[in-house]
Amino acid sequence: MKYTTLIFVLFVKTILFSQSGSLSGKVETNNHQGVAYAKVFIKETNYGGVTDHQGNYSISEIPSGNYHVIARF
């Protein structure tokens, strides 16, 4: 019984802490042109990336929550 409980607790803990998602989008100018190589990051975290030559970006493995996304170029 002791081992079954331990395995169940570890399994539940893994499920609870593995909830993450991804964020993707496009950084554009006022003229709807993609901004190449802009830095995109989530405020007050270490998550971020750089846009490609068309302004597209993707940030993965982000924990669930509400965030402020900032782009700088």
Protein backbone atom coordinates (compact mmCIF):
# COMPACT_ATOMS: atom_id res chain seq x y z
CA MET A 1 0.00 0.00 0.00
CA LYS A 2 2.84 2.37 0.83
CA TYR A 3 4.39 2.05 -2.66
CA THR A 4 1.07 2.52 -4.43
CA THR A 5 0.46 5.78 -2.58
CA LEU A 6 3.94 7.08 -3.37
CA ILE A 7 3.59 6.29 -7.08
CA PHE A 8 0.18 7.97 -7.19
CA VAL A 9 1.50 11.12 -5.47
CA LEU A 10 4.46 11.34 -7.87
CA PHE A 11 2.15 10.81 -10.85
CA VAL A 12 -0.27 13.55 -9.73
CA LYS A 13 2.58 15.93 -8.95
CA THR A 14 4.03 15.38 -12.43
CA ILE A 15 0.68 16.10 -14.07
CA LEU A 16 0.08 19.25 -12.01
CA PHE A 17 3.49 20.76 -12.69
CA SER A 18 3.73 19.81 -16.35
CA GLN A 19 0.92 22.07 -17.53
CA SER A 20 2.49 24.46 -20.01
CA GLY A 21 1.70 26.02 -23.31
CA SER A 22 3.15 28.02 -26.12
CA LEU A 23 2.74 31.49 -27.54
CA SER A 24 3.19 32.42 -31.16
CA GLY A 25 2.41 35.47 -33.22
CA LYS A 26 3.75 38.15 -35.52
CA VAL A 27 5.34 41.52 -34.80
CA GLU A 28 4.23 44.10 -37.39
CA THR A 29 4.72 47.78 -38.12
CA ASN A 30 1.79 50.20 -38.56
CA ASN A 31 1.94 49.33 -42.28
CA HIS A 32 1.46 45.61 -41.52
CA GLN A 33 5.04 44.74 -42.48
CA GLY A 34 6.71 42.01 -40.43
CA VAL A 35 9.52 43.20 -38.15
CA ALA A 36 12.56 40.98 -38.67
CA TYR A 37 14.76 39.98 -35.71
CA ALA A 38 12.81 41.81 -33.01
CA LYS A 39 13.27 40.58 -29.45
CA VAL A 40 10.01 39.21 -28.00
CA PHE A 41 9.82 38.32 -24.33
CA ILE A 42 7.40 37.75 -21.50
CA LYS A 43 7.77 40.47 -18.86
CA GLU A 44 9.29 39.42 -15.53
CA THR A 45 10.26 35.93 -16.78
CA ASN A 46 13.15 34.32 -18.64
CA TYR A 47 10.93 33.27 -21.55
CA GLY A 48 11.48 34.88 -24.91
CA GLY A 49 12.73 34.64 -28.46
CA VAL A 50 13.50 36.51 -31.65
CA THR A 51 11.28 36.99 -34.68
CA ASP A 52 12.24 35.46 -38.01
CA HIS A 53 12.73 37.48 -41.21
CA GLN A 54 8.93 37.80 -41.60
CA GLY A 55 8.26 38.89 -38.01
CA ASN A 56 6.92 35.54 -36.75
CA TYR A 57 7.85 34.22 -33.32
CA SER A 58 7.10 31.25 -31.10
CA ILE A 59 7.83 30.74 -27.40
CA SER A 60 7.20 27.28 -25.94
CA GLU A 61 7.14 25.54 -22.56
CA ILE A 62 5.43 28.50 -20.84
CA PRO A 63 3.66 27.71 -17.55
CA SER A 64 -0.06 28.49 -17.40
CA GLY A 65 -0.93 32.03 -16.41
CA ASN A 66 -1.49 35.61 -17.56
CA TYR A 67 1.50 37.49 -18.93
CA HIS A 68 2.53 40.75 -20.59
CA VAL A 69 4.37 40.22 -23.87
CA ILE A 70 6.87 42.85 -25.00
CA ALA A 71 8.56 43.27 -28.40
CA ARG A 72 11.62 45.46 -28.91
CA PHE A 73 13.54 46.24 -32.07
